[in-house]
Amino acid sequence: MAKIIAIANQKGGVGKTTSAVNLAASMAATKRKVLLVDLDPQGNATMGSGVDKYDVEFSTYDLLVEETPLEKIIITETAGGFHLIAGNGDITAAEVKMMEMYGRELRLKNALAKIKDSYDYIFIDCPPSLNMLTVNAMAAADSVIVPMQCEYYALEGLTALMDTITQLAKVVNPDLKIEGILRTMYDPRNRLANDVSEQLKHHFGDKVYRTVIPRNVRLAEAPSFGAPVMYYDKSSSGAKAYLALAGEMLRRSNKTKAA
């Protein structure tokens, strides 16, 4: 049965979509069966997976609103070797229409329940805001990965996000937990980055992944070529970092199962 992980941060520009795409590709490279759900109307995860968001026949909109059969929605051929439920601007309309629906916060959870047994991991790329789409992701997920830059304002935003996750857990998903905090765009030469990193480890302990994602030109370039970084430049520090993150997550999972 799949572990469903939402990748979320209310602050934009922290590497959320980059992490969703590259973590999905890295997990797929370990021979796990992976599905990526693009829940962001910007559709960047879709484009970064090598799929044209303007050319998809069915998107997350059809999953949430039209209840289109999943076999028609899921794209099985991507540049990252994982399956994809594409996202585009239509999702904005989905949010509006869901407001009138009964059980609107559980639309995604109920849809994914039909295919959980077909995957090892399902990653959800959330929009950078707290809206009905994010609530659906939190209701469907087992846990949340929070990507964040080691900056002062990001640290303040993390506190607000943790409060949000706690409140959502009370209302829509009592089993929701923090999977991990991922330090992104990390530059060890930056004193502030190191200070914030130490504060994170002090407050959140082993919830902070040991793997850090560095600032890397190849990571920034890969989406414009429609490919995860490991297929754009597998020798880059960004590619190695996301493969290391996948390995760390698998070790944590095995340790938890053994316990």
C-alpha atoms as a PDB file:
ATOM      1  CA  MET A   1       0.000   0.000   0.000  1.00  0.00           C
ATOM      2  CA  ALA A   2       1.328   3.419  -0.956  1.00  0.00           C
ATOM      3  CA  LYS A   3       2.632   5.932   1.497  1.00  0.00           C
ATOM      4  CA  ILE A   4       1.036   9.257   0.543  1.00  0.00           C
ATOM      5  CA  ILE A   5       3.250  12.274   1.173  1.00  0.00           C
ATOM      6  CA  ALA A   6       2.241  15.896   0.634  1.00  0.00           C
ATOM      7  CA  ILE A   7       5.064  18.292  -0.184  1.00  0.00           C
ATOM      8  CA  ALA A   8       3.949  21.637   1.152  1.00  0.00           C
ATOM      9  CA  ASN A   9       4.995  25.089   2.231  1.00  0.00           C
ATOM     10  CA  GLN A  10       2.825  28.192   2.312  1.00  0.00           C
ATOM     11  CA  LYS A  11       5.851  30.214   1.232  1.00  0.00           C
ATOM     12  CA  GLY A  12       6.661  30.140  -2.485  1.00  0.00           C
ATOM     13  CA  GLY A  13      10.105  29.792  -4.000  1.00  0.00           C
ATOM     14  CA  VAL A  14      11.464  27.275  -1.504  1.00  0.00           C
ATOM     15  CA  GLY A  15      12.029  24.386  -3.907  1.00  0.00           C
ATOM     16  CA  LYS A  16       8.714  22.644  -3.271  1.00  0.00           C
ATOM     17  CA  THR A  17       7.975  21.614  -6.843  1.00  0.00           C
ATOM     18  CA  THR A  18      11.647  20.898  -7.550  1.00  0.00           C
ATOM     19  CA  SER A  19      11.625  18.546  -4.578  1.00  0.00           C
ATOM     20  CA  ALA A  20       8.368  16.872  -5.641  1.00  0.00           C
ATOM     21  CA  VAL A  21       9.610  16.109  -9.159  1.00  0.00           C
ATOM     22  CA  ASN A  22      13.135  15.064  -8.242  1.00  0.00           C
ATOM     23  CA  LEU A  23      12.143  13.011  -5.231  1.00  0.00           C
ATOM     24  CA  ALA A  24       9.561  11.178  -7.331  1.00  0.00           C
ATOM     25  CA  ALA A  25      12.218  10.478  -9.987  1.00  0.00           C
ATOM     26  CA  SER A  26      14.755   9.362  -7.389  1.00  0.00           C
ATOM     27  CA  MET A  27      12.289   6.975  -5.765  1.00  0.00           C
ATOM     28  CA  ALA A  28      11.359   5.615  -9.191  1.00  0.00           C
ATOM     29  CA  ALA A  29      15.074   5.043  -9.855  1.00  0.00           C
ATOM     30  CA  THR A  30      15.156   2.732  -6.805  1.00  0.00           C
ATOM     31  CA  LYS A  31      12.537   0.562  -8.550  1.00  0.00           C
ATOM     32  CA  ARG A  32       9.667   1.834  -6.431  1.00  0.00           C
ATOM     33  CA  LYS A  33       6.379   2.453  -8.195  1.00  0.00           C
ATOM     34  CA  VAL A  34       5.647   6.150  -7.813  1.00  0.00           C
ATOM     35  CA  LEU A  35       2.757   8.479  -8.625  1.00  0.00           C
ATOM     36  CA  LEU A  36       3.120  12.268  -8.581  1.00  0.00           C
ATOM     37  CA  VAL A  37      -0.056  14.339  -8.210  1.00  0.00           C
ATOM     38  CA  ASP A  38       0.283  17.929  -9.411  1.00  0.00           C
ATOM     39  CA  LEU A  39      -2.184  19.891  -7.297  1.00  0.00           C
ATOM     40  CA  ASP A  40      -0.738  23.312  -8.150  1.00  0.00           C
ATOM     41  CA  PRO A  41      -2.624  25.350 -10.798  1.00  0.00           C
ATOM     42  CA  GLN A  42       0.744  26.586 -12.086  1.00  0.00           C
ATOM     43  CA  GLY A  43       1.393  23.049 -13.366  1.00  0.00           C
ATOM     44  CA  ASN A  44       5.145  23.337 -12.889  1.00  0.00           C
ATOM     45  CA  ALA A  45       5.519  19.772 -11.636  1.00  0.00           C
ATOM     46  CA  THR A  46       3.794  18.590 -14.805  1.00  0.00           C
ATOM     47  CA  MET A  47       6.137  20.562 -17.048  1.00  0.00           C
ATOM     48  CA  GLY A  48       9.145  19.454 -15.013  1.00  0.00           C
ATOM     49  CA  SER A  49       8.095  15.856 -15.606  1.00  0.00           C
ATOM     50  CA  GLY A  50       8.327  16.331 -19.370  1.00  0.00           C
ATOM     51  CA  VAL A  51       4.567  16.677 -19.927  1.00  0.00           C
ATOM     52  CA  ASP A  52       3.035  19.723 -21.614  1.00  0.00           C
ATOM     53  CA  LYS A  53       0.401  21.048 -19.223  1.00  0.00           C
ATOM     54  CA  TYR A  54      -1.415  22.728 -22.121  1.00  0.00           C
ATOM     55  CA  ASP A  55      -1.744  19.475 -24.025  1.00  0.00           C
ATOM     56  CA  VAL A  56      -3.103  17.076 -21.395  1.00  0.00           C
ATOM     57  CA  GLU A  57      -6.560  15.636 -21.986  1.00  0.00           C
ATOM     58  CA  PHE A  58      -7.333  15.079 -18.314  1.00  0.00           C
ATOM     59  CA  SER A  59      -5.929  16.807 -15.236  1.00  0.00           C
ATOM     60  CA  THR A  60      -6.380  16.973 -11.485  1.00  0.00           C
ATOM     61  CA  TYR A  61      -9.552  18.954 -12.226  1.00  0.00           C
ATOM     62  CA  ASP A  62     -11.126  15.845 -13.759  1.00  0.00           C
ATOM     63  CA  LEU A  63     -10.063  13.802 -10.733  1.00  0.00           C
ATOM     64  CA  LEU A  64     -11.554  16.188  -8.175  1.00  0.00           C
ATOM     65  CA  VAL A  65     -14.657  17.462  -9.972  1.00  0.00           C
ATOM     66  CA  GLU A  66     -15.673  15.190 -12.825  1.00  0.00           C
ATOM     67  CA  GLU A  67     -14.685  11.887 -11.153  1.00  0.00           C
ATOM     68  CA  THR A  68     -13.173  10.740 -14.452  1.00  0.00           C
ATOM     69  CA  PRO A  69     -11.856   7.144 -14.221  1.00  0.00           C
ATOM     70  CA  LEU A  70      -8.261   7.126 -13.012  1.00  0.00           C
ATOM     71  CA  GLU A  71      -7.056   4.955 -15.872  1.00  0.00           C
ATOM     72  CA  LYS A  72      -7.898   7.858 -18.198  1.00  0.00           C
ATOM     73  CA  ILE A  73      -6.218  10.488 -16.020  1.00  0.00           C
ATOM     74  CA  ILE A  74      -2.935   8.867 -15.008  1.00  0.00           C
ATOM     75  CA  ILE A  75      -0.059   9.530 -17.411  1.00  0.00           C
ATOM     76  CA  THR A  76       2.296   6.542 -17.380  1.00  0.00           C
ATOM     77  CA  GLU A  77       5.057   7.963 -19.585  1.00  0.00           C
ATOM     78  CA  THR A  78       7.094  10.768 -18.015  1.00  0.00           C
ATOM     79  CA  ALA A  79      10.697  11.913 -18.193  1.00  0.00           C
ATOM     80  CA  GLY A  80      11.209  10.764 -14.606  1.00  0.00           C
ATOM     81  CA  GLY A  81      10.003   7.171 -14.862  1.00  0.00           C
ATOM     82  CA  PHE A  82       7.045   7.761 -12.539  1.00  0.00           C
ATOM     83  CA  HIS A  83       3.315   8.078 -13.188  1.00  0.00           C
ATOM     84  CA  LEU A  84       1.661  11.493 -13.136  1.00  0.00           C
ATOM     85  CA  ILE A  85      -1.698  13.128 -12.590  1.00  0.00           C
ATOM     86  CA  ALA A  86      -1.154  16.397 -14.410  1.00  0.00           C
ATOM     87  CA  GLY A  87      -2.001  19.853 -13.174  1.00  0.00           C
ATOM     88  CA  ASN A  88      -2.771  23.083 -15.014  1.00  0.00           C
ATOM     89  CA  GLY A  89      -4.877  26.228 -14.742  1.00  0.00           C
ATOM     90  CA  ASP A  90      -8.085  24.182 -14.731  1.00  0.00           C
ATOM     91  CA  ILE A  91      -7.417  23.307 -11.089  1.00  0.00           C
ATOM     92  CA  THR A  92      -8.377  26.840 -10.077  1.00  0.00           C
ATOM     93  CA  ALA A  93     -11.888  26.142 -11.349  1.00  0.00           C
ATOM     94  CA  ALA A  94     -11.874  22.870  -9.429  1.00  0.00           C
ATOM     95  CA  GLU A  95     -11.338  24.713  -6.175  1.00  0.00           C
ATOM     96  CA  VAL A  96     -14.333  26.968  -6.859  1.00  0.00           C
ATOM     97  CA  LYS A  97     -16.617  24.088  -7.818  1.00  0.00           C
ATOM     98  CA  MET A  98     -15.591  21.978  -4.829  1.00  0.00           C
ATOM     99  CA  MET A  99     -16.818  24.665  -2.462  1.00  0.00           C
ATOM    100  CA  GLU A 100     -20.373  23.627  -3.382  1.00  0.00           C
ATOM    101  CA  MET A 101     -19.750  19.889  -2.973  1.00  0.00           C
ATOM    102  CA  TYR A 102     -20.534  17.683  -0.024  1.00  0.00           C
ATOM    103  CA  GLY A 103     -17.395  16.186   1.510  1.00  0.00           C
ATOM    104  CA  ARG A 104     -15.271  18.558  -0.549  1.00  0.00           C
ATOM    105  CA  GLU A 105     -12.193  18.220   1.690  1.00  0.00           C
ATOM    106  CA  LEU A 106     -12.086  14.459   1.062  1.00  0.00           C
ATOM    107  CA  ARG A 107     -12.337  14.432  -2.739  1.00  0.00           C
ATOM    108  CA  LEU A 108      -8.646  13.659  -3.266  1.00  0.00           C
ATOM    109  CA  LYS A 109      -8.456  11.141  -0.435  1.00  0.00           C
ATOM    110  CA  ASN A 110     -11.400   9.157  -1.781  1.00  0.00           C
ATOM    111  CA  ALA A 111      -9.988   9.183  -5.311  1.00  0.00           C
ATOM    112  CA  LEU A 112      -6.501   8.025  -4.281  1.00  0.00           C
ATOM    113  CA  ALA A 113      -7.937   5.290  -2.037  1.00  0.00           C
ATOM    114  CA  LYS A 114      -8.841   3.401  -5.218  1.00  0.00           C
ATOM    115  CA  ILE A 115      -5.197   3.125  -6.331  1.00  0.00           C
ATOM    116  CA  LYS A 116      -3.168   3.077  -3.110  1.00  0.00           C
ATOM    117  CA  ASP A 117      -2.416  -0.596  -3.529  1.00  0.00           C
ATOM    118  CA  SER A 118      -0.858   0.013  -6.961  1.00  0.00           C
ATOM    119  CA  TYR A 119       1.996   2.228  -5.744  1.00  0.00           C
ATOM    120  CA  ASP A 120       4.770   2.362  -3.191  1.00  0.00           C
ATOM    121  CA  TYR A 121       4.767   6.147  -2.933  1.00  0.00           C
ATOM    122  CA  ILE A 122       2.317   8.866  -3.928  1.00  0.00           C
ATOM    123  CA  PHE A 123       3.692  12.405  -3.749  1.00  0.00           C
ATOM    124  CA  ILE A 124       1.399  15.445  -3.856  1.00  0.00           C
ATOM    125  CA  ASP A 125       2.811  18.789  -5.003  1.00  0.00           C
ATOM    126  CA  CYS A 126       0.708  21.358  -3.137  1.00  0.00           C
ATOM    127  CA  PRO A 127       0.025  24.982  -4.099  1.00  0.00           C
ATOM    128  CA  PRO A 128       1.945  27.618  -2.076  1.00  0.00           C
ATOM    129  CA  SER A 129      -1.128  28.702  -0.146  1.00  0.00           C
ATOM    130  CA  LEU A 130      -3.671  27.372   2.308  1.00  0.00           C
ATOM    131  CA  ASN A 131      -6.780  26.720   0.240  1.00  0.00           C
ATOM    132  CA  MET A 132      -9.216  23.898  -0.468  1.00  0.00           C
ATOM    133  CA  LEU A 133      -6.624  22.157  -2.650  1.00  0.00           C
ATOM    134  CA  THR A 134      -4.100  22.116   0.184  1.00  0.00           C
ATOM    135  CA  VAL A 135      -6.772  20.932   2.612  1.00  0.00           C
ATOM    136  CA  ASN A 136      -7.522  18.053   0.225  1.00  0.00           C
ATOM    137  CA  ALA A 137      -3.833  17.160   0.105  1.00  0.00           C
ATOM    138  CA  MET A 138      -3.542  17.167   3.891  1.00  0.00           C
ATOM    139  CA  ALA A 139      -6.696  15.060   4.232  1.00  0.00           C
ATOM    140  CA  ALA A 140      -5.323  12.488   1.780  1.00  0.00           C
ATOM    141  CA  ALA A 141      -1.737  12.364   3.019  1.00  0.00           C
ATOM    142  CA  ASP A 142      -0.142  10.147   5.631  1.00  0.00           C
ATOM    143  CA  SER A 143       2.546  12.758   6.208  1.00  0.00           C
ATOM    144  CA  VAL A 144       4.048  16.043   5.029  1.00  0.00           C
ATOM    145  CA  ILE A 145       7.511  16.973   3.790  1.00  0.00           C
ATOM    146  CA  VAL A 146       8.285  20.653   4.318  1.00  0.00           C
ATOM    147  CA  PRO A 147      10.991  22.057   2.029  1.00  0.00           C
ATOM    148  CA  MET A 148      12.475  25.311   3.303  1.00  0.00           C
ATOM    149  CA  GLN A 149      15.377  27.639   2.810  1.00  0.00           C
ATOM    150  CA  CYS A 150      17.578  28.366   5.790  1.00  0.00           C
ATOM    151  CA  GLU A 151      16.595  32.008   6.080  1.00  0.00           C
ATOM    152  CA  TYR A 152      15.117  34.042   8.921  1.00  0.00           C
ATOM    153  CA  TYR A 153      11.741  34.673   7.266  1.00  0.00           C
ATOM    154  CA  ALA A 154      11.492  31.027   6.236  1.00  0.00           C
ATOM    155  CA  LEU A 155      11.951  30.055   9.870  1.00  0.00           C
ATOM    156  CA  GLU A 156       9.072  32.308  10.888  1.00  0.00           C
ATOM    157  CA  GLY A 157       6.938  30.851   8.090  1.00  0.00           C
ATOM    158  CA  LEU A 158       7.714  27.336   9.260  1.00  0.00           C
ATOM    159  CA  THR A 159       6.197  28.051  12.655  1.00  0.00           C
ATOM    160  CA  ALA A 160       2.980  29.232  10.991  1.00  0.00           C
ATOM    161  CA  LEU A 161       2.941  26.179   8.725  1.00  0.00           C
ATOM    162  CA  MET A 162       3.366  23.810  11.661  1.00  0.00           C
ATOM    163  CA  ASP A 163       0.401  25.459  13.384  1.00  0.00           C
ATOM    164  CA  THR A 164      -1.636  25.048  10.187  1.00  0.00           C
ATOM    165  CA  ILE A 165      -0.746  21.366   9.905  1.00  0.00           C
ATOM    166  CA  THR A 166      -1.687  20.827  13.552  1.00  0.00           C
ATOM    167  CA  GLN A 167      -5.075  22.459  13.019  1.00  0.00           C
ATOM    168  CA  LEU A 168      -5.751  20.507   9.826  1.00  0.00           C
ATOM    169  CA  ALA A 169      -4.843  17.281  11.590  1.00  0.00           C
ATOM    170  CA  LYS A 170      -7.507  18.017  14.199  1.00  0.00           C
ATOM    171  CA  VAL A 171     -10.168  18.783  11.615  1.00  0.00           C
ATOM    172  CA  VAL A 172      -9.605  16.530   8.577  1.00  0.00           C
ATOM    173  CA  ASN A 173      -6.879  13.966   9.288  1.00  0.00           C
ATOM    174  CA  PRO A 174      -5.948  12.977  12.851  1.00  0.00           C
ATOM    175  CA  ASP A 175      -3.220  10.614  11.575  1.00  0.00           C
ATOM    176  CA  LEU A 176      -1.328  13.341   9.681  1.00  0.00           C
ATOM    177  CA  LYS A 177       2.271  13.830  10.798  1.00  0.00           C
ATOM    178  CA  ILE A 178       5.438  15.585   9.714  1.00  0.00           C
ATOM    179  CA  GLU A 179       7.503  13.246   7.542  1.00  0.00           C
ATOM    180  CA  GLY A 180      10.490  15.548   7.525  1.00  0.00           C
ATOM    181  CA  ILE A 181      11.890  19.033   7.072  1.00  0.00           C
ATOM    182  CA  LEU A 182      14.081  19.404   4.001  1.00  0.00           C
ATOM    183  CA  ARG A 183      16.705  22.143   3.804  1.00  0.00           C
ATOM    184  CA  THR A 184      16.830  23.426   0.226  1.00  0.00           C
ATOM    185  CA  MET A 185      19.017  25.871  -1.740  1.00  0.00           C
ATOM    186  CA  TYR A 186      21.587  25.375   0.988  1.00  0.00           C
ATOM    187  CA  ASP A 187      24.902  27.217   0.899  1.00  0.00           C
ATOM    188  CA  PRO A 188      27.233  26.123   3.720  1.00  0.00           C
ATOM    189  CA  ARG A 189      29.353  29.257   3.212  1.00  0.00           C
ATOM    190  CA  ASN A 190      26.422  31.378   4.385  1.00  0.00           C
ATOM    191  CA  ARG A 191      26.595  31.984   8.122  1.00  0.00           C
ATOM    192  CA  LEU A 192      22.859  32.686   8.437  1.00  0.00           C
ATOM    193  CA  ALA A 193      22.075  29.418   6.640  1.00  0.00           C
ATOM    194  CA  ASN A 194      24.215  27.527   9.122  1.00  0.00           C
ATOM    195  CA  ASP A 195      22.645  29.323  12.095  1.00  0.00           C
ATOM    196  CA  VAL A 196      19.098  28.611  10.915  1.00  0.00           C
ATOM    197  CA  SER A 197      20.052  25.016  10.150  1.00  0.00           C
ATOM    198  CA  GLU A 198      21.262  24.557  13.717  1.00  0.00           C
ATOM    199  CA  GLN A 199      18.055  26.069  15.076  1.00  0.00           C
ATOM    200  CA  LEU A 200      16.015  23.649  12.973  1.00  0.00           C
ATOM    201  CA  LYS A 201      17.933  20.656  14.302  1.00  0.00           C
ATOM    202  CA  HIS A 202      17.611  21.958  17.854  1.00  0.00           C
ATOM    203  CA  HIS A 203      13.825  22.418  17.655  1.00  0.00           C
ATOM    204  CA  PHE A 204      12.835  19.531  15.378  1.00  0.00           C
ATOM    205  CA  GLY A 205      15.572  16.948  15.991  1.00  0.00           C
ATOM    206  CA  ASP A 206      15.487  13.928  13.696  1.00  0.00           C
ATOM    207  CA  LYS A 207      12.553  15.374  11.763  1.00  0.00           C
ATOM    208  CA  VAL A 208      15.189  17.395   9.895  1.00  0.00           C
ATOM    209  CA  TYR A 209      16.639  15.303   7.088  1.00  0.00           C
ATOM    210  CA  ARG A 210      20.394  14.855   7.237  1.00  0.00           C
ATOM    211  CA  THR A 211      20.422  15.300   3.471  1.00  0.00           C
ATOM    212  CA  VAL A 212      20.530  18.919   2.338  1.00  0.00           C
ATOM    213  CA  ILE A 213      19.740  20.147  -1.168  1.00  0.00           C
ATOM    214  CA  PRO A 214      22.443  22.572  -2.337  1.00  0.00           C
ATOM    215  CA  ARG A 215      22.122  25.620  -4.517  1.00  0.00           C
ATOM    216  CA  ASN A 216      22.801  24.109  -7.917  1.00  0.00           C
ATOM    217  CA  VAL A 217      22.582  25.567 -11.419  1.00  0.00           C
ATOM    218  CA  ARG A 218      21.649  22.200 -12.927  1.00  0.00           C
ATOM    219  CA  LEU A 219      18.654  21.923 -10.603  1.00  0.00           C
ATOM    220  CA  ALA A 220      17.442  25.304 -11.820  1.00  0.00           C
ATOM    221  CA  GLU A 221      18.032  24.445 -15.480  1.00  0.00           C
ATOM    222  CA  ALA A 222      16.442  20.979 -15.552  1.00  0.00           C
ATOM    223  CA  PRO A 223      12.748  22.074 -15.589  1.00  0.00           C
ATOM    224  CA  SER A 224      13.257  24.119 -18.755  1.00  0.00           C
ATOM    225  CA  PHE A 225      14.406  20.902 -20.428  1.00  0.00           C
ATOM    226  CA  GLY A 226      11.351  19.026 -19.132  1.00  0.00           C
ATOM    227  CA  ALA A 227      13.308  16.513 -17.075  1.00  0.00           C
ATOM    228  CA  PRO A 228      14.243  15.765 -13.462  1.00  0.00           C
ATOM    229  CA  VAL A 229      17.832  16.748 -12.741  1.00  0.00           C
ATOM    230  CA  MET A 230      19.073  13.152 -12.579  1.00  0.00           C
ATOM    231  CA  TYR A 231      18.151  12.737 -16.255  1.00  0.00           C
ATOM    232  CA  TYR A 232      19.452  16.168 -17.188  1.00  0.00           C
ATOM    233  CA  ASP A 233      22.807  15.894 -15.394  1.00  0.00           C
ATOM    234  CA  LYS A 234      23.156  12.835 -13.167  1.00  0.00           C
ATOM    235  CA  SER A 235      26.626  13.895 -12.009  1.00  0.00           C
ATOM    236  CA  SER A 236      25.403  17.238 -10.616  1.00  0.00           C
ATOM    237  CA  SER A 237      25.322  17.902  -6.894  1.00  0.00           C
ATOM    238  CA  GLY A 238      21.534  18.406  -7.108  1.00  0.00           C
ATOM    239  CA  ALA A 239      20.959  14.975  -8.648  1.00  0.00           C
ATOM    240  CA  LYS A 240      23.170  13.302  -6.050  1.00  0.00           C
ATOM    241  CA  ALA A 241      21.386  15.123  -3.231  1.00  0.00           C
ATOM    242  CA  TYR A 242      17.893  13.951  -4.228  1.00  0.00           C
ATOM    243  CA  LEU A 243      19.111  10.375  -4.678  1.00  0.00           C
ATOM    244  CA  ALA A 244      20.627  10.613  -1.207  1.00  0.00           C
ATOM    245  CA  LEU A 245      17.324  11.945   0.145  1.00  0.00           C
ATOM    246  CA  ALA A 246      15.439   8.997  -1.360  1.00  0.00           C
ATOM    247  CA  GLY A 247      17.929   6.649   0.270  1.00  0.00           C
ATOM    248  CA  GLU A 248      17.541   8.361   3.636  1.00  0.00           C
ATOM    249  CA  MET A 249      13.751   8.135   3.423  1.00  0.00           C
ATOM    250  CA  LEU A 250      13.894   4.433   2.587  1.00  0.00           C
ATOM    251  CA  ARG A 251      16.248   3.740   5.487  1.00  0.00           C
ATOM    252  CA  ARG A 252      13.944   5.621   7.857  1.00  0.00           C
ATOM    253  CA  SER A 253      10.977   3.644   6.563  1.00  0.00           C
ATOM    254  CA  ASN A 254      12.758   0.316   7.013  1.00  0.00           C
ATOM    255  CA  LYS A 255      13.832   1.304  10.508  1.00  0.00           C
ATOM    256  CA  THR A 256      10.267   2.218  11.429  1.00  0.00           C
ATOM    257  CA  LYS A 257       8.948  -1.103  10.078  1.00  0.00           C
ATOM    258  CA  ALA A 258      11.599  -3.040  11.985  1.00  0.00           C
ATOM    259  CA  ALA A 259      10.646  -1.274  15.195  1.00  0.00           C
END
